[in-house]
C-alpha atoms as a PDB file:
ATOM      1  CA  MET A   1      44.376 -36.519  13.742  1.00  0.00           C
ATOM      2  CA  GLN A   2      47.374 -38.048  12.887  1.00  0.00           C
ATOM      3  CA  ILE A   3      49.170 -36.455   9.961  1.00  0.00           C
ATOM      4  CA  ASN A   4      51.744 -38.919   8.226  1.00  0.00           C
ATOM      5  CA  LYS A   5      52.524 -40.522   5.205  1.00  0.00           C
ATOM      6  CA  GLU A   6      50.489 -43.155   6.176  1.00  0.00           C
ATOM      7  CA  ALA A   7      47.447 -41.385   6.759  1.00  0.00           C
ATOM      8  CA  LEU A   8      47.714 -39.382   3.520  1.00  0.00           C
ATOM      9  CA  SER A   9      47.797 -42.603   1.844  1.00  0.00           C
ATOM     10  CA  ALA A  10      44.826 -44.068   2.875  1.00  0.00           C
ATOM     11  CA  ALA A  11      43.017 -40.672   2.131  1.00  0.00           C
ATOM     12  CA  GLY A  12      43.973 -41.185  -1.418  1.00  0.00           C
ATOM     13  CA  LEU A  13      46.121 -37.931  -1.710  1.00  0.00           C
ATOM     14  CA  GLN A  14      48.955 -39.847  -3.968  1.00  0.00           C
ATOM     15  CA  TYR A  15      46.753 -39.751  -6.776  1.00  0.00           C
ATOM     16  CA  GLY A  16      47.821 -37.311  -9.555  1.00  0.00           C
ATOM     17  CA  TYR A  17      46.840 -37.096 -13.706  1.00  0.00           C
ATOM     18  CA  SER A  18      48.468 -38.310 -16.371  1.00  0.00           C
ATOM     19  CA  ARG A  19      51.750 -37.118 -17.494  1.00  0.00           C
ATOM     20  CA  THR A  20      50.744 -35.067 -20.350  1.00  0.00           C
ATOM     21  CA  ARG A  21      48.253 -33.200 -17.993  1.00  0.00           C
ATOM     22  CA  ARG A  22      50.990 -32.616 -15.579  1.00  0.00           C
ATOM     23  CA  HIS A  23      52.053 -28.834 -15.145  1.00  0.00           C
ATOM     24  CA  PRO A  24      55.667 -28.368 -14.987  1.00  0.00           C
ATOM     25  CA  SER A  25      55.631 -26.236 -11.531  1.00  0.00           C
ATOM     26  CA  VAL A  26      54.519 -29.917  -9.841  1.00  0.00           C
ATOM     27  CA  LYS A  27      57.232 -31.965 -11.457  1.00  0.00           C
ATOM     28  CA  PRO A  28      59.249 -31.637  -8.125  1.00  0.00           C
ATOM     29  CA  PHE A  29      56.892 -33.349  -6.393  1.00  0.00           C
ATOM     30  CA  VAL A  30      56.047 -36.106  -8.386  1.00  0.00           C
ATOM     31  CA  GLU A  31      57.742 -39.390  -7.246  1.00  0.00           C
ATOM     32  CA  GLY A  32      56.682 -41.616 -10.070  1.00  0.00           C
ATOM     33  CA  ASN A  33      54.467 -42.112 -13.067  1.00  0.00           C
ATOM     34  CA  TYR A  34      52.466 -45.425 -12.982  1.00  0.00           C
ATOM     35  CA  ASN A  35      50.248 -47.026 -15.465  1.00  0.00           C
ATOM     36  CA  GLY A  36      50.221 -43.764 -16.747  1.00  0.00           C
ATOM     37  CA  VAL A  37      49.110 -42.038 -13.815  1.00  0.00           C
ATOM     38  CA  ASP A  38      51.610 -39.643 -11.593  1.00  0.00           C
ATOM     39  CA  PHE A  39      52.037 -40.695  -7.997  1.00  0.00           C
ATOM     40  CA  ILE A  40      52.611 -37.864  -5.747  1.00  0.00           C
ATOM     41  CA  ASN A  41      55.719 -37.816  -3.113  1.00  0.00           C
ATOM     42  CA  LEU A  42      53.554 -37.809   0.192  1.00  0.00           C
ATOM     43  CA  GLU A  43      56.428 -37.010   2.243  1.00  0.00           C
ATOM     44  CA  LYS A  44      56.393 -33.694   0.540  1.00  0.00           C
ATOM     45  CA  THR A  45      52.910 -33.224   0.945  1.00  0.00           C
ATOM     46  CA  GLN A  46      52.943 -33.734   4.350  1.00  0.00           C
ATOM     47  CA  GLU A  47      55.464 -31.191   4.996  1.00  0.00           C
ATOM     48  CA  GLN A  48      53.833 -28.673   2.879  1.00  0.00           C
ATOM     49  CA  LEU A  49      50.462 -29.482   4.810  1.00  0.00           C
ATOM     50  CA  GLU A  50      52.175 -29.118   7.998  1.00  0.00           C
ATOM     51  CA  ASN A  51      53.730 -25.662   7.099  1.00  0.00           C
ATOM     52  CA  ALA A  52      50.378 -24.672   6.205  1.00  0.00           C
ATOM     53  CA  ILE A  53      48.651 -25.363   8.869  1.00  0.00           C
ATOM     54  CA  THR A  54      51.553 -23.591  11.087  1.00  0.00           C
ATOM     55  CA  PHE A  55      50.629 -20.577   9.140  1.00  0.00           C
ATOM     56  CA  LEU A  56      47.070 -20.579   9.169  1.00  0.00           C
ATOM     57  CA  LYS A  57      47.060 -21.368  13.111  1.00  0.00           C
ATOM     58  CA  SER A  58      49.352 -17.847  13.379  1.00  0.00           C
ATOM     59  CA  LEU A  59      46.596 -15.989  11.537  1.00  0.00           C
ATOM     60  CA  LYS A  60      43.897 -17.333  13.765  1.00  0.00           C
ATOM     61  CA  ASP A  61      45.998 -16.822  16.927  1.00  0.00           C
ATOM     62  CA  SER A  62      46.230 -13.374  16.260  1.00  0.00           C
ATOM     63  CA  GLY A  63      42.286 -12.936  15.014  1.00  0.00           C
ATOM     64  CA  ARG A  64      42.932 -12.625  11.349  1.00  0.00           C
ATOM     65  CA  VAL A  65      39.836 -13.853   8.976  1.00  0.00           C
ATOM     66  CA  ILE A  66      40.319 -16.705   6.516  1.00  0.00           C
ATOM     67  CA  LEU A  67      38.645 -17.079   3.655  1.00  0.00           C
ATOM     68  CA  PHE A  68      37.561 -20.664   2.440  1.00  0.00           C
ATOM     69  CA  VAL A  69      36.884 -21.274  -1.132  1.00  0.00           C
ATOM     70  CA  GLY A  70      35.919 -24.270  -3.133  1.00  0.00           C
ATOM     71  CA  VAL A  71      33.060 -24.654  -5.794  1.00  0.00           C
ATOM     72  CA  LYS A  72      33.518 -27.850  -7.460  1.00  0.00           C
ATOM     73  CA  PRO A  73      29.842 -29.438  -6.817  1.00  0.00           C
ATOM     74  CA  GLU A  74      31.428 -32.589  -5.018  1.00  0.00           C
ATOM     75  CA  ILE A  75      33.341 -30.970  -2.034  1.00  0.00           C
ATOM     76  CA  ARG A  76      31.294 -27.476  -1.842  1.00  0.00           C
ATOM     77  CA  GLN A  77      29.646 -28.911   1.272  1.00  0.00           C
ATOM     78  CA  LEU A  78      32.692 -30.199   2.935  1.00  0.00           C
ATOM     79  CA  VAL A  79      34.029 -26.585   2.228  1.00  0.00           C
ATOM     80  CA  LYS A  80      30.995 -25.040   3.808  1.00  0.00           C
ATOM     81  CA  GLU A  81      31.091 -27.302   6.766  1.00  0.00           C
ATOM     82  CA  VAL A  82      34.846 -27.056   7.827  1.00  0.00           C
ATOM     83  CA  ALA A  83      34.399 -22.928   7.415  1.00  0.00           C
ATOM     84  CA  LEU A  84      30.896 -22.970   9.413  1.00  0.00           C
ATOM     85  CA  SER A  85      32.773 -25.058  12.286  1.00  0.00           C
ATOM     86  CA  LEU A  86      35.466 -22.163  12.321  1.00  0.00           C
ATOM     87  CA  ASN A  87      32.984 -19.539  12.237  1.00  0.00           C
ATOM     88  CA  ALA A  88      34.700 -18.405   8.870  1.00  0.00           C
ATOM     89  CA  PRO A  89      33.585 -17.073   5.779  1.00  0.00           C
ATOM     90  CA  TYR A  90      33.302 -19.116   2.670  1.00  0.00           C
ATOM     91  CA  ILE A  91      32.559 -19.323  -1.015  1.00  0.00           C
ATOM     92  CA  THR A  92      31.114 -22.447  -2.200  1.00  0.00           C
ATOM     93  CA  GLU A  93      28.552 -21.342  -5.510  1.00  0.00           C
ATOM     94  CA  ARG A  94      30.729 -19.242  -7.428  1.00  0.00           C
ATOM     95  CA  PHE A  95      33.742 -16.949  -7.216  1.00  0.00           C
ATOM     96  CA  ILE A  96      32.465 -13.624  -8.626  1.00  0.00           C
ATOM     97  CA  GLY A  97      34.827 -11.798 -10.321  1.00  0.00           C
ATOM     98  CA  GLY A  98      35.742  -8.449  -8.392  1.00  0.00           C
ATOM     99  CA  THR A  99      34.916 -10.430  -5.143  1.00  0.00           C
ATOM    100  CA  LEU A 100      38.592  -9.675  -3.712  1.00  0.00           C
ATOM    101  CA  THR A 101      39.753  -6.776  -6.554  1.00  0.00           C
ATOM    102  CA  ASN A 102      36.519  -4.757  -6.056  1.00  0.00           C
ATOM    103  CA  PHE A 103      35.703  -5.887  -2.229  1.00  0.00           C
ATOM    104  CA  PRO A 104      34.118  -2.174  -1.481  1.00  0.00           C
ATOM    105  CA  GLN A 105      31.345  -2.712  -4.545  1.00  0.00           C
ATOM    106  CA  ILE A 106      30.929  -6.289  -3.099  1.00  0.00           C
ATOM    107  CA  LYS A 107      30.395  -4.978   0.456  1.00  0.00           C
ATOM    108  CA  LYS A 108      27.586  -2.655  -0.520  1.00  0.00           C
ATOM    109  CA  ARG A 109      25.981  -6.020  -1.867  1.00  0.00           C
ATOM    110  CA  ILE A 110      26.446  -7.603   1.343  1.00  0.00           C
ATOM    111  CA  GLU A 111      25.098  -4.690   3.091  1.00  0.00           C
ATOM    112  CA  LYS A 112      21.938  -4.611   0.921  1.00  0.00           C
ATOM    113  CA  LEU A 113      21.617  -8.460   1.872  1.00  0.00           C
ATOM    114  CA  HIS A 114      21.585  -7.605   5.573  1.00  0.00           C
ATOM    115  CA  ASP A 115      19.142  -4.561   5.057  1.00  0.00           C
ATOM    116  CA  LEU A 116      16.705  -6.871   3.676  1.00  0.00           C
ATOM    117  CA  LEU A 117      17.159  -9.615   5.769  1.00  0.00           C
ATOM    118  CA  LYS A 118      16.454  -7.242   8.584  1.00  0.00           C
ATOM    119  CA  LYS A 119      13.288  -5.882   6.961  1.00  0.00           C
ATOM    120  CA  LYS A 120      11.940  -9.301   6.324  1.00  0.00           C
ATOM    121  CA  GLU A 121      12.731 -10.071  10.127  1.00  0.00           C
ATOM    122  CA  THR A 122      10.934  -6.908  11.456  1.00  0.00           C
ATOM    123  CA  GLY A 123       8.063  -7.028   9.069  1.00  0.00           C
ATOM    124  CA  GLU A 124       8.896  -3.879   7.301  1.00  0.00           C
ATOM    125  CA  LEU A 125       8.153  -5.745   3.804  1.00  0.00           C
ATOM    126  CA  SER A 126       4.788  -6.367   4.751  1.00  0.00           C
ATOM    127  CA  VAL A 127       3.722  -2.973   3.335  1.00  0.00           C
ATOM    128  CA  TYR A 128       4.737  -4.166   0.080  1.00  0.00           C
ATOM    129  CA  THR A 129       1.932  -5.698  -2.348  1.00  0.00           C
ATOM    130  CA  LYS A 130       2.341  -9.737  -2.661  1.00  0.00           C
ATOM    131  CA  LYS A 131       4.215  -9.488  -6.287  1.00  0.00           C
ATOM    132  CA  GLU A 132       6.448  -6.890  -4.681  1.00  0.00           C
ATOM    133  CA  GLN A 133       7.272  -8.946  -1.985  1.00  0.00           C
ATOM    134  CA  LEU A 134       8.097 -12.224  -4.386  1.00  0.00           C
ATOM    135  CA  LEU A 135      10.304  -9.932  -6.295  1.00  0.00           C
ATOM    136  CA  ILE A 136      12.488  -9.016  -2.952  1.00  0.00           C
ATOM    137  CA  GLN A 137      12.290 -12.167  -1.901  1.00  0.00           C
ATOM    138  CA  ARG A 138      13.767 -13.438  -5.142  1.00  0.00           C
ATOM    139  CA  ASP A 139      16.473 -10.739  -4.676  1.00  0.00           C
ATOM    140  CA  ILE A 140      17.560 -11.886  -0.981  1.00  0.00           C
ATOM    141  CA  ASP A 141      17.623 -15.583  -2.320  1.00  0.00           C
ATOM    142  CA  ARG A 142      19.837 -14.168  -5.169  1.00  0.00           C
ATOM    143  CA  LEU A 143      22.032 -12.286  -2.866  1.00  0.00           C
ATOM    144  CA  ASP A 144      22.054 -14.778  -0.216  1.00  0.00           C
ATOM    145  CA  ARG A 145      23.367 -17.333  -3.090  1.00  0.00           C
ATOM    146  CA  ASP A 146      26.208 -14.919  -4.185  1.00  0.00           C
ATOM    147  CA  PHE A 147      27.085 -13.442  -1.319  1.00  0.00           C
ATOM    148  CA  GLY A 148      25.757 -15.316   1.948  1.00  0.00           C
ATOM    149  CA  GLY A 149      28.963 -17.395   2.926  1.00  0.00           C
ATOM    150  CA  ILE A 150      30.908 -13.727   2.732  1.00  0.00           C
ATOM    151  CA  SER A 151      28.143 -11.830   4.881  1.00  0.00           C
ATOM    152  CA  SER A 152      30.622 -11.595   7.822  1.00  0.00           C
ATOM    153  CA  LEU A 153      33.607 -10.111   6.002  1.00  0.00           C
ATOM    154  CA  THR A 154      33.955  -6.168   6.688  1.00  0.00           C
ATOM    155  CA  ASN A 155      37.324  -6.300   5.272  1.00  0.00           C
ATOM    156  CA  LEU A 156      39.479  -8.271   2.981  1.00  0.00           C
ATOM    157  CA  PRO A 157      40.399 -11.684   4.177  1.00  0.00           C
ATOM    158  CA  ALA A 158      44.023 -12.159   5.741  1.00  0.00           C
ATOM    159  CA  ALA A 159      44.667 -15.439   3.448  1.00  0.00           C
ATOM    160  CA  ILE A 160      42.773 -17.825   1.250  1.00  0.00           C
ATOM    161  CA  VAL A 161      42.246 -21.553   1.766  1.00  0.00           C
ATOM    162  CA  MET A 162      41.080 -23.488  -1.458  1.00  0.00           C
ATOM    163  CA  ILE A 163      40.673 -26.624  -2.902  1.00  0.00           C
ATOM    164  CA  ASP A 164      41.810 -26.593  -6.757  1.00  0.00           C
ATOM    165  CA  SER A 165      43.765 -23.952  -7.635  1.00  0.00           C
ATOM    166  CA  ARG A 166      43.363 -24.656 -11.180  1.00  0.00           C
ATOM    167  CA  HIS A 167      39.495 -24.347 -11.103  1.00  0.00           C
ATOM    168  CA  GLU A 168      39.794 -21.332  -8.914  1.00  0.00           C
ATOM    169  CA  ASP A 169      42.486 -19.648 -11.249  1.00  0.00           C
ATOM    170  CA  MET A 170      40.561 -16.300 -11.002  1.00  0.00           C
ATOM    171  CA  CYS A 171      40.715 -16.309  -7.180  1.00  0.00           C
ATOM    172  CA  VAL A 172      43.999 -17.138  -7.396  1.00  0.00           C
ATOM    173  CA  LYS A 173      44.696 -14.344  -9.905  1.00  0.00           C
ATOM    174  CA  GLU A 174      42.914 -11.624  -7.478  1.00  0.00           C
ATOM    175  CA  ALA A 175      44.748 -13.036  -4.381  1.00  0.00           C
ATOM    176  CA  ALA A 176      47.981 -12.391  -6.144  1.00  0.00           C
ATOM    177  CA  ARG A 177      47.016  -8.776  -6.942  1.00  0.00           C
ATOM    178  CA  LEU A 178      46.299  -7.823  -3.445  1.00  0.00           C
ATOM    179  CA  HIS A 179      49.333  -9.814  -2.259  1.00  0.00           C
ATOM    180  CA  ILE A 180      46.816 -12.131   0.102  1.00  0.00           C
ATOM    181  CA  PRO A 181      48.749 -15.441   1.003  1.00  0.00           C
ATOM    182  CA  VAL A 182      46.803 -18.629  -0.567  1.00  0.00           C
ATOM    183  CA  VAL A 183      46.854 -21.918   0.879  1.00  0.00           C
ATOM    184  CA  ALA A 184      45.909 -24.289  -2.181  1.00  0.00           C
ATOM    185  CA  LEU A 185      45.238 -27.980  -2.374  1.00  0.00           C
ATOM    186  CA  SER A 186      46.454 -28.427  -5.984  1.00  0.00           C
ATOM    187  CA  ASN A 187      46.731 -31.405  -8.104  1.00  0.00           C
ATOM    188  CA  THR A 188      49.546 -32.288 -10.910  1.00  0.00           C
ATOM    189  CA  ASP A 189      47.529 -30.323 -13.407  1.00  0.00           C
ATOM    190  CA  CYS A 190      47.755 -27.021 -11.508  1.00  0.00           C
ATOM    191  CA  THR A 191      50.419 -24.357 -11.087  1.00  0.00           C
ATOM    192  CA  ILE A 192      51.428 -23.885  -8.043  1.00  0.00           C
ATOM    193  CA  ASP A 193      53.585 -20.911  -8.858  1.00  0.00           C
ATOM    194  CA  GLY A 194      52.830 -17.514  -7.214  1.00  0.00           C
ATOM    195  CA  ILE A 195      51.005 -19.793  -4.532  1.00  0.00           C
ATOM    196  CA  GLU A 196      52.520 -19.282  -1.213  1.00  0.00           C
ATOM    197  CA  TYR A 197      51.557 -22.689   0.516  1.00  0.00           C
ATOM    198  CA  PRO A 198      50.610 -25.047  -2.035  1.00  0.00           C
ATOM    199  CA  ILE A 199      49.939 -28.780  -0.480  1.00  0.00           C
ATOM    200  CA  VAL A 200      50.186 -31.048  -3.837  1.00  0.00           C
ATOM    201  CA  GLY A 201      47.670 -33.568  -3.299  1.00  0.00           C
ATOM    202  CA  ASN A 202      44.504 -35.020  -5.106  1.00  0.00           C
ATOM    203  CA  ASP A 203      42.197 -32.545  -5.329  1.00  0.00           C
ATOM    204  CA  GLY A 204      39.514 -34.268  -7.019  1.00  0.00           C
ATOM    205  CA  SER A 205      38.657 -37.079  -4.355  1.00  0.00           C
ATOM    206  CA  VAL A 206      36.448 -36.421  -1.802  1.00  0.00           C
ATOM    207  CA  PRO A 207      38.344 -38.344   1.030  1.00  0.00           C
ATOM    208  CA  ALA A 208      41.318 -36.653   0.105  1.00  0.00           C
ATOM    209  CA  VAL A 209      39.881 -33.257   0.433  1.00  0.00           C
ATOM    210  CA  ARG A 210      38.004 -33.950   3.668  1.00  0.00           C
ATOM    211  CA  PHE A 211      41.617 -35.248   4.856  1.00  0.00           C
ATOM    212  CA  VAL A 212      43.003 -31.702   4.527  1.00  0.00           C
ATOM    213  CA  LEU A 213      40.000 -29.731   5.654  1.00  0.00           C
ATOM    214  CA  GLU A 214      39.311 -31.932   8.422  1.00  0.00           C
ATOM    215  CA  ALA A 215      43.447 -31.534   9.508  1.00  0.00           C
ATOM    216  CA  ILE A 216      43.258 -27.937   8.998  1.00  0.00           C
ATOM    217  CA  LYS A 217      40.020 -27.796  10.813  1.00  0.00           C
ATOM    218  CA  GLU A 218      41.202 -29.684  14.036  1.00  0.00           C
ATOM    219  CA  ALA A 219      44.237 -27.204  14.439  1.00  0.00           C
ATOM    220  CA  LEU A 220      42.304 -24.157  14.231  1.00  0.00           C
ATOM    221  CA  GLN A 221      39.958 -25.485  16.756  1.00  0.00           C
ATOM    222  CA  ASP A 222      42.466 -26.273  18.877  1.00  0.00           C
ATOM    223  CA  THR A 223      43.671 -22.406  18.443  1.00  0.00           C
ATOM    224  CA  ILE A 224      40.422 -21.079  19.436  1.00  0.00           C
ATOM    225  CA  GLU A 225      39.895 -23.105  22.345  1.00  0.00           C
ATOM    226  CA  ASN A 226      43.360 -22.187  23.812  1.00  0.00           C
END
């Protein structure tokens, strides 16, 4: 796909929020304010997106794991689909505190999920009463909801791709503590301080989010195929 100013504009990545909601860290990326709405400099957004893709491709080339995060209801399915297409882990329901900073405990929950699923598949749960099986199934459903997307993680990811760094503030903070690089699509209400690869653009529009995720997916799929 073409990554240029015209394509970014067609996807609606130029639309920010009102000046009153603007975070000072994004001021250099705002080219003007029209009818009370900040407009983002798409030439800079293009450069940021291309730099982020170059970084992510280098990780994929070396077999490193990239975690995708996006839990806002309107975009979670997009995030999940892109992650699955790349065989990458994802978080689209909610980011649980300690997912990164307390990963050994999270890993135990993932292992429990794997164990229960295996027992269900092999019929080992049939020894329990119907009521007990119902309770176990509820446990499986809860674990799958919370950890199913990261069930393939055996170690911390090499990087995180997220949509809306303001919404995913907890994830940003945990990643920073562990020095895990973050690629984030961030609108004008977000702080991009401390984010290694910010992409300043509209993070509240499905077409805009889809464009960024598809650009990343296409680049990383090329890496896999080659």
